[in-house]
Amino acid sequence: MPEQPLPIIQRAIAHGDRTAVHSDGGATTYRQLLAASESIAASLLGQADDLNEARIAFLVPPGERYVQTQWAIWRAGGIAVPLSLSATEKELEHTLTDSRTSTVVAAREVADKLESLCKQHQLRLLVLEDLPTEAAARLPRVSPDRRAMILYTSGTTSKPKGVVTTHACIQAQIESLIEAWRWRQDDRIPLFLPLHHIHGIINIMSCALWMGAELEAFPRFCVDTILERVADHAYTVFMAVPTIYVKLIEALEPMPPSQREPIVAGFAAMRLMISGSAALPASVHEKWTELTGPPGLTRVACDGGPTGPPGLTRVACDGGPFGQKLLERYGMTEIGMALSNPYEGERRPGAVGQPLPGVEIRLLSDSGEPVTEDGVPGEIQVRGPNVFHEYWDRPDATSESFVDGWFKTGDIAVLDDGYYRIMGRSSVDIIKSGGYKLSALEIEASLLDHLAIAQCAIVGIPDDTWGETVAAAIVVKPGETLDLESLRAWCKDRISPYKIPRRLAVVDALPRNAMGKVTKPAVTQLFAEPTSPSST
């Protein structure tokens, strides 16, 4: 039975000779992506008619080759298992063996990372550049309810689990974001985030390709390269994680006006800028708005007076908004995106907005009752076609993650006048101290106002008296120093006494995963070691 193309393939056919991807290899059209993916699919199938959900892992840098490989796996009826370019051999082995992968596709320049593993586990290894380029295949019909992809969780609190999504689930995630963020065919967006996480795969790559937009793919994030392209007005949409916005701010602030103004003009001209994958400190949100105001405009308060007093809104001298207001959203591997600040309307620093189209959200208290009042914390639970199918080979974990059809995210939030605000993970970001439930994210946001603090992470440390006590791991700015006594004195008039850190570790860098998220268990370990750096 001939191929009945999946919706994303049907849309690519309609986009035809439009440019899909720019990379070091030049420009690639949608038609060229389709032709190459068919040839790769033929190699994957061999003499078979259908891969029938065989797991096909692939290690390919961002760009047209990545898209071709992903589409080939889907068109041949397989389940795509993206591998991390930065993963260790042990991490790669876990993904390959846990998913029971049968075939691995790798770009030539990274194939050596997989050779010994493939030999050891008797896996077929295909080097992408060695595959026939003109091969045609009789491709199978792939229904939307088939399993399409396995993404492995970051493993910050346990061994990584494979999150299985179907083609229908992926389509629901894409269509929700297309509607909410007003994707357009003439959009242009950079892609520098890792492509083994949902942020890069769905939010950027898949949404852009669904709409017939243009991707510019980079092997990694490079501040100078990105700022140069922004100055050229290369993009209309920009998506990044908070650590990248911090790096951009650090690069822009010391620049002379003549160098900074073309870059600021490029940012100011974009229709949308989004932050996600980790909490965005309100101070970063506000600094970005301040930095990205169009050159030549003077900041004034809403009453026409000078900026400064709390509560006054900074606007341009023409009365319009001053700079780019980052749109913060909330999601995770298992659900795609679920909450977002509005495209049109107020974007609140520190809040993740409202439910996205097609997504149902509820908060559930510790007692299992729905939360309906503002300010009362509850676990975020999600229901909708965007929710994943299962944890691979873990039926018990899958069953335990749902209650009455609602997925239990493990994230705690409160409602504030219709907007959700994340307090943290129930396991790592909610600290239970002296009868209080403390939000690590809230304390972190407060500490980032300290002039000496560049980065910080708050964790709860077991304590016989308090249950848990607040501990802070901090990276100080160049030339600055910090001790526990001075930090506590600074906090005294800014946060409640029970939220003030009782332990301090000054470190050179916070432990992070590939997406830039701070790994809280690793931070906690700093305080478990008596010789932890600068621990007080």
Protein backbone atom coordinates (compact mmCIF):
# COMPACT_ATOMS: atom_id res chain seq x y z
CA MET A 1 0.00 0.00 0.00
CA PRO A 2 1.61 3.32 -1.04
CA GLU A 3 2.62 6.03 1.38
CA GLN A 4 -0.07 8.29 2.75
CA PRO A 5 2.15 11.14 3.92
CA LEU A 6 2.01 12.29 7.50
CA PRO A 7 0.71 15.86 7.89
CA ILE A 8 4.19 17.36 8.37
CA ILE A 9 5.30 15.70 5.12
CA GLN A 10 2.15 16.84 3.31
CA ARG A 11 2.86 20.39 4.39
CA ALA A 12 6.48 20.15 3.23
CA ILE A 13 5.25 18.99 -0.19
CA ALA A 14 3.06 22.09 -0.36
CA HIS A 15 6.01 24.35 0.56
CA GLY A 16 7.92 23.08 -2.49
CA ASP A 17 10.87 25.24 -3.47
CA ARG A 18 10.74 27.57 -0.48
CA THR A 19 13.98 27.66 1.49
CA ALA A 20 13.67 25.48 4.59
CA VAL A 21 17.13 25.43 6.21
CA HIS A 22 20.25 27.57 6.08
CA SER A 23 23.47 26.09 7.50
CA ASP A 24 27.17 25.82 6.74
CA GLY A 25 26.13 23.60 3.84
CA GLY A 26 24.14 26.41 2.22
CA ALA A 27 20.41 26.71 1.63
CA THR A 28 18.12 23.67 1.34
CA THR A 29 14.55 23.77 0.02
CA TYR A 30 11.60 21.75 1.26
CA ARG A 31 11.63 19.78 -1.97
CA GLN A 32 15.27 18.84 -1.39
CA LEU A 33 14.55 17.79 2.21
CA LEU A 34 11.80 15.49 0.97
CA ALA A 35 13.92 13.90 -1.76
CA ALA A 36 16.83 13.24 0.62
CA SER A 37 14.54 11.85 3.33
CA GLU A 38 13.03 9.40 0.84
CA SER A 39 16.49 8.14 -0.13
CA ILE A 40 17.47 7.66 3.52
CA ALA A 41 14.15 5.92 4.19
CA ALA A 42 14.93 3.47 1.37
CA SER A 43 18.24 2.58 3.07
CA LEU A 44 16.53 2.12 6.42
CA LEU A 45 13.88 -0.17 4.93
CA GLY A 46 16.21 -2.33 2.87
CA GLN A 47 13.99 -5.20 1.75
CA ALA A 48 11.30 -4.49 4.35
CA ASP A 49 7.97 -2.84 3.56
CA ASP A 50 7.62 -1.11 6.93
CA LEU A 51 9.88 -0.59 9.96
CA ASN A 52 6.83 -1.21 12.16
CA GLU A 53 7.99 1.08 14.97
CA ALA A 54 11.57 -0.19 15.10
CA ARG A 55 13.66 2.27 17.11
CA ILE A 56 16.13 4.15 14.93
CA ALA A 57 18.60 6.27 16.88
CA PHE A 58 20.43 9.10 15.13
CA LEU A 59 23.36 11.34 15.96
CA VAL A 60 23.37 14.23 13.50
CA PRO A 61 24.30 17.91 14.03
CA PRO A 62 21.60 20.58 13.58
CA GLY A 63 20.79 21.44 9.99
CA GLU A 64 19.30 19.93 6.87
CA ARG A 65 20.83 16.49 7.55
CA TYR A 66 19.06 16.28 10.90
CA VAL A 67 15.66 17.05 9.33
CA GLN A 68 16.24 14.61 6.48
CA THR A 69 17.11 11.82 8.91
CA GLN A 70 14.17 12.47 11.25
CA TRP A 71 11.70 12.57 8.37
CA ALA A 72 13.23 9.44 6.82
CA ILE A 73 12.69 7.46 10.03
CA TRP A 74 9.08 8.58 10.21
CA ARG A 75 8.38 7.95 6.53
CA ALA A 76 9.81 4.41 6.85
CA GLY A 77 7.55 3.67 9.82
CA GLY A 78 10.18 3.84 12.54
CA ILE A 79 10.41 5.56 15.92
CA ALA A 80 13.01 8.33 15.97
CA VAL A 81 15.41 8.35 18.93
CA PRO A 82 17.54 11.54 18.82
CA LEU A 83 20.93 11.25 20.51
CA SER A 84 22.80 14.02 22.26
CA LEU A 85 25.97 15.28 20.60
CA SER A 86 27.43 16.03 24.03
CA ALA A 87 26.48 12.72 25.66
CA THR A 88 29.11 10.46 27.19
CA GLU A 89 29.55 6.89 26.00
CA LYS A 90 27.76 5.65 29.12
CA GLU A 91 24.80 7.97 28.46
CA LEU A 92 24.62 6.92 24.81
CA GLU A 93 24.72 3.28 25.83
CA HIS A 94 21.79 3.77 28.21
CA THR A 95 19.66 5.36 25.47
CA LEU A 96 20.53 2.71 22.88
CA THR A 97 20.00 -0.28 25.16
CA ASP A 98 16.95 1.06 27.01
CA SER A 99 15.15 1.90 23.75
CA ARG A 100 16.25 -1.41 22.21
CA THR A 101 17.46 0.44 19.15
CA SER A 102 18.10 -1.73 16.09
CA THR A 103 19.80 0.77 13.77
CA VAL A 104 21.86 3.90 14.37
CA VAL A 105 22.33 6.67 11.77
CA ALA A 106 25.23 9.05 12.29
CA ALA A 107 26.84 11.92 10.43
CA ARG A 108 30.37 11.03 9.39
CA GLU A 109 32.05 13.57 11.69
CA VAL A 110 30.48 12.03 14.81
CA ALA A 111 30.15 8.38 13.78
CA ASP A 112 33.29 7.37 15.67
CA LYS A 113 31.50 8.12 18.96
CA LEU A 114 29.17 5.19 18.22
CA GLU A 115 31.33 2.61 16.48
CA SER A 116 32.42 0.65 19.55
CA LEU A 117 28.95 0.73 21.11
CA CYS A 118 27.34 -0.51 17.92
CA LYS A 119 29.85 -3.35 17.64
CA GLN A 120 29.44 -4.25 21.30
CA HIS A 121 25.64 -4.39 21.08
CA GLN A 122 25.47 -5.68 17.49
CA LEU A 123 23.64 -2.65 16.12
CA ARG A 124 23.58 -1.64 12.49
CA LEU A 125 25.48 1.66 12.05
CA LEU A 126 24.76 3.70 8.93
CA VAL A 127 26.97 6.66 8.08
CA LEU A 128 24.67 9.24 6.58
CA GLU A 129 27.07 10.47 3.90
CA ASP A 130 27.67 6.90 2.66
CA LEU A 131 24.00 6.21 1.90
CA PRO A 132 22.70 6.28 -1.70
CA THR A 133 21.38 9.69 -2.65
CA GLU A 134 19.10 8.66 -5.52
CA ALA A 135 17.38 5.67 -3.94
CA ALA A 136 13.59 5.59 -4.15
CA ALA A 137 11.35 3.55 -1.88
CA ARG A 138 7.80 2.30 -1.74
CA LEU A 139 7.03 3.92 1.59
CA PRO A 140 4.45 2.53 4.04
CA ARG A 141 1.27 4.17 5.25
CA VAL A 142 1.91 5.56 8.73
CA SER A 143 -1.16 6.38 10.79
CA PRO A 144 -1.14 9.36 13.18
CA ASP A 145 -1.67 7.13 16.22
CA ARG A 146 1.63 5.34 15.66
CA ARG A 147 4.51 6.02 18.04
CA ALA A 148 6.86 8.55 16.45
CA MET A 149 9.63 9.59 18.84
CA ILE A 150 11.34 8.76 22.12
CA LEU A 151 12.99 11.64 23.96
CA TYR A 152 14.93 10.85 27.10
CA THR A 153 14.35 13.00 30.17
CA SER A 154 17.30 14.95 31.52
CA GLY A 155 17.70 12.53 34.41
CA THR A 156 18.22 15.23 37.03
CA THR A 157 16.38 13.26 39.71
CA SER A 158 16.54 9.64 38.43
CA LYS A 159 17.82 7.52 35.57
CA PRO A 160 16.56 8.99 32.26
CA LYS A 161 13.24 7.60 31.05
CA GLY A 162 12.13 7.44 27.44
CA VAL A 163 9.14 9.68 26.75
CA VAL A 164 7.11 8.27 23.85
CA THR A 165 5.02 10.58 21.65
CA THR A 166 2.81 9.64 18.73
CA HIS A 167 2.56 11.50 15.43
CA ALA A 168 -0.84 12.82 16.54
CA CYS A 169 0.63 14.07 19.80
CA ILE A 170 3.44 15.89 17.99
CA GLN A 171 0.94 17.43 15.59
CA ALA A 172 -1.20 18.67 18.51
CA GLN A 173 1.86 20.26 20.15
CA ILE A 174 2.85 22.01 16.91
CA GLU A 175 -0.64 23.26 16.04
CA SER A 176 -1.15 24.66 19.55
CA LEU A 177 2.03 26.76 19.27
CA ILE A 178 1.31 27.80 15.69
CA GLU A 179 -1.98 29.28 16.89
CA ALA A 180 -0.72 30.78 20.15
CA TRP A 181 2.47 32.37 18.84
CA ARG A 182 1.10 33.41 15.43
CA TRP A 183 3.70 31.56 13.35
CA ARG A 184 3.93 32.86 9.76
CA GLN A 185 5.37 31.51 6.55
CA ASP A 186 7.75 34.46 6.27
CA ASP A 187 9.24 33.88 9.73
CA ARG A 188 12.98 33.34 10.11
CA ILE A 189 14.45 31.84 13.27
CA PRO A 190 17.89 30.69 14.48
CA LEU A 191 18.32 27.16 15.81
CA PHE A 192 21.22 26.70 18.21
CA LEU A 193 19.56 24.65 20.97
CA PRO A 194 20.29 20.90 21.34
CA LEU A 195 18.14 18.68 19.15
CA HIS A 196 17.56 15.88 21.63
CA HIS A 197 15.20 18.09 23.68
CA ILE A 198 11.66 19.17 22.95
CA HIS A 199 12.48 22.91 22.93
CA GLY A 200 14.66 22.67 19.85
CA ILE A 201 12.81 19.83 18.12
CA ILE A 202 9.19 20.99 18.50
CA ASN A 203 9.09 24.67 19.48
CA ILE A 204 11.65 25.80 16.93
CA MET A 205 12.38 23.25 14.22
CA SER A 206 9.02 21.54 13.79
CA CYS A 207 6.90 24.71 14.11
CA ALA A 208 9.04 26.52 11.55
CA LEU A 209 8.95 23.63 9.06
CA TRP A 210 5.21 23.13 9.54
CA MET A 211 4.62 26.74 8.49
CA GLY A 212 7.08 26.83 5.60
CA ALA A 213 9.35 29.24 7.49
CA GLU A 214 13.17 29.40 7.38
CA LEU A 215 15.55 27.91 9.92
CA GLU A 216 19.16 29.00 10.30
CA ALA A 217 20.96 26.15 12.03
CA PHE A 218 24.15 26.47 14.05
CA PRO A 219 26.27 23.66 15.52
CA ARG A 220 26.26 25.47 18.87
CA PHE A 221 25.43 28.83 20.42
CA CYS A 222 28.10 31.47 19.75
CA VAL A 223 27.37 34.95 21.12
CA ASP A 224 29.40 36.85 18.52
CA THR A 225 27.92 34.96 15.56
CA ILE A 226 24.33 35.36 16.74
CA LEU A 227 24.74 39.07 17.50
CA GLU A 228 26.22 39.63 14.05
CA ARG A 229 23.23 37.95 12.40
CA VAL A 230 20.78 39.88 14.60
CA ALA A 231 22.44 43.12 13.50
CA ASP A 232 21.76 42.02 9.91
CA HIS A 233 18.04 41.68 10.74
CA ALA A 234 18.24 37.98 9.91
CA TYR A 235 15.40 36.87 12.21
CA THR A 236 11.77 37.61 13.02
CA VAL A 237 11.47 35.12 15.90
CA PHE A 238 14.02 34.20 18.58
CA MET A 239 13.82 31.41 21.18
CA ALA A 240 16.41 30.67 23.84
CA VAL A 241 16.92 29.54 27.43
CA PRO A 242 17.52 32.01 30.29
CA THR A 243 21.27 31.37 30.42
CA ILE A 244 21.57 32.50 26.81
CA TYR A 245 19.72 35.75 27.53
CA VAL A 246 22.12 36.33 30.43
CA LYS A 247 25.08 35.81 28.08
CA LEU A 248 23.56 38.21 25.54
CA ILE A 249 23.06 40.84 28.25
CA GLU A 250 26.65 40.41 29.42
CA ALA A 251 27.83 40.90 25.83
CA LEU A 252 25.64 43.93 25.07
CA GLU A 253 26.08 45.97 28.25
CA PRO A 254 29.79 46.88 27.86
CA MET A 255 29.56 47.59 24.12
CA PRO A 256 30.05 51.14 22.86
CA PRO A 257 26.82 52.63 21.42
CA SER A 258 28.08 52.48 17.84
CA GLN A 259 28.50 48.72 18.10
CA ARG A 260 25.43 48.02 20.22
CA GLU A 261 22.84 50.06 18.32
CA PRO A 262 22.66 47.93 15.13
CA ILE A 263 22.23 44.81 17.30
CA VAL A 264 19.55 46.42 19.44
CA ALA A 265 17.75 47.52 16.27
CA GLY A 266 17.79 43.90 15.07
CA PHE A 267 16.30 42.63 18.32
CA ALA A 268 13.76 45.47 18.44
CA ALA A 269 12.53 44.61 14.93
CA MET A 270 11.67 40.99 15.82
CA ARG A 271 7.99 40.19 16.24
CA LEU A 272 8.53 37.65 19.05
CA MET A 273 11.19 36.59 21.56
CA ILE A 274 10.61 33.62 23.88
CA SER A 275 12.38 32.21 26.94
CA GLY A 276 11.86 28.71 28.28
CA SER A 277 13.23 25.38 29.57
CA ALA A 278 14.10 26.99 32.91
CA ALA A 279 12.75 29.76 35.11
CA LEU A 280 13.51 33.26 33.82
CA PRO A 281 14.46 35.61 36.68
CA ALA A 282 12.29 38.74 36.66
CA SER A 283 15.48 40.83 36.75
CA VAL A 284 16.64 39.28 33.46
CA HIS A 285 13.20 39.84 31.91
CA GLU A 286 13.29 43.52 32.88
CA LYS A 287 16.93 44.04 31.86
CA TRP A 288 16.23 42.56 28.42
CA THR A 289 13.30 44.95 27.94
CA GLU A 290 15.56 47.83 28.92
CA LEU A 291 18.44 46.80 26.66
CA THR A 292 16.41 46.09 23.53
CA GLY A 293 14.61 49.39 23.21
CA PRO A 294 15.00 50.90 19.72
CA PRO A 295 18.09 53.16 19.48
CA GLY A 296 17.41 56.84 19.93
CA LEU A 297 14.34 56.43 22.14
CA THR A 298 14.45 57.84 25.65
CA ARG A 299 13.00 55.90 28.55
CA VAL A 300 10.37 57.82 30.50
CA ALA A 301 7.85 56.78 33.11
CA CYS A 302 4.19 56.36 32.28
CA ASP A 303 3.46 59.78 33.76
CA GLY A 304 6.11 61.44 31.64
CA GLY A 305 8.59 61.77 34.48
CA PRO A 306 11.99 60.09 34.88
CA THR A 307 12.27 56.35 35.42
CA GLY A 308 13.09 55.04 38.83
CA PRO A 309 10.17 54.82 41.30
CA PRO A 310 8.79 51.29 41.66
CA GLY A 311 5.61 50.53 39.76
CA LEU A 312 6.21 52.95 36.90
CA THR A 313 6.14 51.48 33.42
CA ARG A 314 9.02 52.30 31.11
CA VAL A 315 7.83 53.45 27.70
CA ALA A 316 9.43 55.01 24.67
CA CYS A 317 9.22 58.77 24.15
CA ASP A 318 6.60 58.12 21.46
CA GLY A 319 4.35 56.44 24.01
CA GLY A 320 4.87 52.88 22.75
CA PRO A 321 6.46 49.95 24.60
CA PHE A 322 10.15 50.47 25.14
CA GLY A 323 11.79 47.16 24.23
CA GLN A 324 11.31 43.45 23.67
CA LYS A 325 9.18 41.90 26.42
CA LEU A 326 10.21 38.27 26.58
CA LEU A 327 7.37 35.77 26.36
CA GLU A 328 7.88 33.12 29.02
CA ARG A 329 6.17 29.76 28.73
CA TYR A 330 6.04 26.44 30.57
CA GLY A 331 6.35 22.90 29.29
CA MET A 332 8.18 19.63 29.69
CA THR A 333 9.15 16.60 27.65
CA GLU A 334 5.99 14.70 28.57
CA ILE A 335 3.49 17.40 27.59
CA GLY A 336 5.18 19.70 25.12
CA MET A 337 4.14 23.27 25.96
CA ALA A 338 1.18 23.77 28.29
CA LEU A 339 1.20 27.39 29.52
CA SER A 340 2.28 30.61 27.85
CA ASN A 341 2.14 34.32 28.39
CA PRO A 342 -0.04 35.84 25.65
CA TYR A 343 1.21 36.90 22.25
CA GLU A 344 -1.04 39.92 22.58
CA GLY A 345 -1.61 41.24 26.08
CA GLU A 346 0.35 41.52 29.30
CA ARG A 347 3.50 39.42 29.62
CA ARG A 348 4.22 39.22 33.33
CA PRO A 349 7.80 38.75 34.54
CA GLY A 350 7.94 35.69 36.77
CA ALA A 351 4.71 34.19 35.39
CA VAL A 352 4.24 31.52 32.73
CA GLY A 353 0.84 32.70 31.60
CA GLN A 354 -2.30 30.76 30.75
CA PRO A 355 -3.22 27.41 29.16
CA LEU A 356 -2.31 27.06 25.48
CA PRO A 357 -4.96 26.17 22.87
CA GLY A 358 -6.21 22.61 23.31
CA VAL A 359 -4.52 22.16 26.70
CA GLU A 360 -6.41 21.62 29.96
CA ILE A 361 -4.73 22.63 33.24
CA ARG A 362 -5.69 22.14 36.87
CA LEU A 363 -3.93 22.61 40.21
CA LEU A 364 -4.35 19.91 42.83
CA SER A 365 -3.58 20.45 46.52
CA ASP A 366 -1.70 18.01 48.76
CA SER A 367 -5.07 16.74 49.96
CA GLY A 368 -6.15 15.98 46.40
CA GLU A 369 -8.61 18.85 46.11
CA PRO A 370 -8.72 21.19 43.08
CA VAL A 371 -7.22 24.61 43.84
CA THR A 372 -9.50 27.48 42.83
CA GLU A 373 -8.19 30.37 44.93
CA ASP A 374 -5.36 32.72 44.00
CA GLY A 375 -2.13 32.27 45.91
CA VAL A 376 -2.80 28.69 47.01
CA PRO A 377 -0.11 26.26 45.77
CA GLY A 378 -0.98 23.08 43.94
CA GLU A 379 0.56 20.56 41.57
CA ILE A 380 0.12 21.32 37.88
CA GLN A 381 -1.79 18.54 36.15
CA VAL A 382 -2.33 18.45 32.39
CA ARG A 383 -4.78 16.79 30.03
CA GLY A 384 -5.08 17.02 26.26
CA PRO A 385 -3.88 15.64 22.92
CA ASN A 386 -0.44 17.16 23.61
CA VAL A 387 0.28 14.72 26.45
CA PHE A 388 2.73 11.89 25.78
CA HIS A 389 1.73 8.29 25.11
CA GLU A 390 3.83 6.39 27.66
CA TYR A 391 7.23 5.97 29.28
CA TRP A 392 9.08 3.46 27.15
CA ASP A 393 9.02 -0.01 28.70
CA ARG A 394 7.88 1.39 32.06
CA PRO A 395 4.17 0.63 32.45
CA ASP A 396 4.25 1.16 36.22
CA ALA A 397 5.89 4.59 35.90
CA THR A 398 3.35 5.51 33.21
CA SER A 399 0.42 4.45 35.36
CA GLU A 400 1.77 6.27 38.43
CA SER A 401 2.14 9.50 36.45
CA PHE A 402 -1.58 9.81 35.70
CA VAL A 403 -4.66 10.28 37.84
CA ASP A 404 -8.09 10.12 36.18
CA GLY A 405 -6.51 10.91 32.80
CA TRP A 406 -4.52 13.90 34.12
CA PHE A 407 -0.71 13.85 33.89
CA LYS A 408 0.97 14.76 37.17
CA THR A 409 3.82 17.11 36.31
CA GLY A 410 5.37 17.30 39.78
CA ASP A 411 5.61 21.08 39.37
CA ILE A 412 4.01 23.36 41.95
CA ALA A 413 2.31 26.60 40.91
CA VAL A 414 -0.08 29.26 42.14
CA LEU A 415 -2.68 31.27 40.27
CA ASP A 416 -2.38 35.04 40.30
CA ASP A 417 -5.25 36.87 38.61
CA GLY A 418 -5.51 34.36 35.78
CA TYR A 419 -1.74 33.84 35.35
CA TYR A 420 0.16 30.79 36.59
CA ARG A 421 3.39 31.28 38.50
CA ILE A 422 5.74 28.33 39.00
CA MET A 423 7.01 27.78 42.54
CA GLY A 424 9.24 24.88 41.58
CA ARG A 425 9.44 21.11 41.39
CA SER A 426 7.68 19.37 44.24
CA SER A 427 10.78 17.25 44.75
CA VAL A 428 13.64 19.72 44.30
CA ASP A 429 12.37 23.31 44.24
CA ILE A 430 9.92 23.24 47.12
CA ILE A 431 11.72 23.43 50.45
CA LYS A 432 9.78 22.38 53.56
CA SER A 433 11.30 24.31 56.43
CA GLY A 434 9.78 24.92 59.86
CA GLY A 435 6.25 24.25 58.59
CA TYR A 436 6.64 26.57 55.60
CA LYS A 437 6.69 25.58 51.94
CA LEU A 438 9.38 27.75 50.38
CA SER A 439 9.87 28.31 46.66
CA ALA A 440 13.51 27.95 45.69
CA LEU A 441 12.78 29.92 42.51
CA GLU A 442 11.38 32.84 44.50
CA ILE A 443 14.46 33.00 46.72
CA GLU A 444 16.76 32.75 43.71
CA ALA A 445 14.98 35.66 42.03
CA SER A 446 15.50 37.78 45.13
CA LEU A 447 19.21 36.94 45.45
CA LEU A 448 19.86 37.89 41.83
CA ASP A 449 19.21 41.50 42.81
CA HIS A 450 22.44 41.40 44.84
CA LEU A 451 25.11 43.37 43.01
CA ALA A 452 27.79 40.75 43.64
CA ILE A 453 25.76 37.70 42.50
CA ALA A 454 25.95 36.53 38.90
CA GLN A 455 24.14 33.21 39.28
CA CYS A 456 22.59 31.27 42.14
CA ALA A 457 20.79 28.04 42.97
CA ILE A 458 18.76 27.38 46.11
CA VAL A 459 18.27 23.90 47.55
CA GLY A 460 16.93 22.39 50.76
CA ILE A 461 19.42 20.61 53.03
CA PRO A 462 18.19 18.11 55.66
CA ASP A 463 18.09 19.67 59.12
CA ASP A 464 17.11 18.06 62.43
CA THR A 465 15.40 21.20 63.71
CA TRP A 466 13.76 22.68 60.61
CA GLY A 467 13.23 19.57 58.49
CA GLU A 468 15.10 21.32 55.69
CA THR A 469 17.20 24.46 55.75
CA VAL A 470 17.86 26.86 52.89
CA ALA A 471 21.24 26.58 51.19
CA ALA A 472 22.60 28.82 48.42
CA ALA A 473 25.19 27.94 45.78
CA ILE A 474 26.40 31.18 44.24
CA VAL A 475 28.62 32.33 41.39
CA VAL A 476 29.90 35.84 42.11
CA LYS A 477 30.68 38.47 39.52
CA PRO A 478 34.34 39.09 38.56
CA GLY A 479 36.17 40.97 41.27
CA GLU A 480 33.45 40.42 43.87
CA THR A 481 33.46 38.39 47.08
CA LEU A 482 30.65 37.15 49.30
CA ASP A 483 30.33 35.44 52.66
CA LEU A 484 27.35 34.05 54.52
CA GLU A 485 27.21 36.81 57.13
CA SER A 486 27.08 39.64 54.60
CA LEU A 487 24.58 37.75 52.43
CA ARG A 488 22.25 37.19 55.37
CA ALA A 489 22.53 40.85 56.36
CA TRP A 490 21.62 41.91 52.81
CA CYS A 491 18.63 39.54 52.79
CA LYS A 492 17.26 40.79 56.11
CA ASP A 493 15.17 43.63 54.67
CA ARG A 494 14.34 41.88 51.40
CA ILE A 495 12.94 38.43 52.18
CA SER A 496 11.25 36.78 55.13
CA PRO A 497 13.60 35.47 57.85
CA TYR A 498 12.66 31.83 57.23
CA LYS A 499 13.67 32.18 53.56
CA ILE A 500 17.18 33.53 54.23
CA PRO A 501 19.96 31.04 53.38
CA ARG A 502 21.70 29.36 56.31
CA ARG A 503 24.37 27.68 54.18
CA LEU A 504 26.49 29.16 51.40
CA ALA A 505 28.81 27.69 48.78
CA VAL A 506 30.61 30.08 46.44
CA VAL A 507 31.45 28.14 43.26
CA ASP A 508 33.03 28.88 39.89
CA ALA A 509 30.03 27.51 37.99
CA LEU A 510 26.69 25.89 38.74
CA PRO A 511 26.21 22.31 37.53
CA ARG A 512 23.92 22.29 34.48
CA ASN A 513 22.54 19.80 31.98
CA ALA A 514 22.65 20.13 28.18
CA MET A 515 19.70 22.53 28.11
CA GLY A 516 21.28 24.89 30.60
CA LYS A 517 19.05 23.82 33.50
CA VAL A 518 20.72 23.78 36.88
CA THR A 519 20.85 20.20 38.18
CA LYS A 520 19.63 20.59 41.75
CA PRO A 521 20.76 17.15 43.00
CA ALA A 522 24.32 18.08 42.01
CA VAL A 523 23.93 21.41 43.84
CA THR A 524 22.68 19.59 46.93
CA GLN A 525 25.75 17.36 46.79
CA LEU A 526 27.96 20.44 47.22
CA PHE A 527 26.66 20.74 50.76
CA ALA A 528 26.87 17.03 51.48
CA GLU A 529 30.64 17.20 51.14
CA PRO A 530 32.44 18.65 54.18
CA THR A 531 35.10 20.16 51.90
CA SER A 532 32.63 21.84 49.56
CA PRO A 533 34.07 25.05 48.07
CA SER A 534 33.72 28.14 50.27
CA SER A 535 30.95 26.41 52.26
CA THR A 536 29.92 28.29 55.37
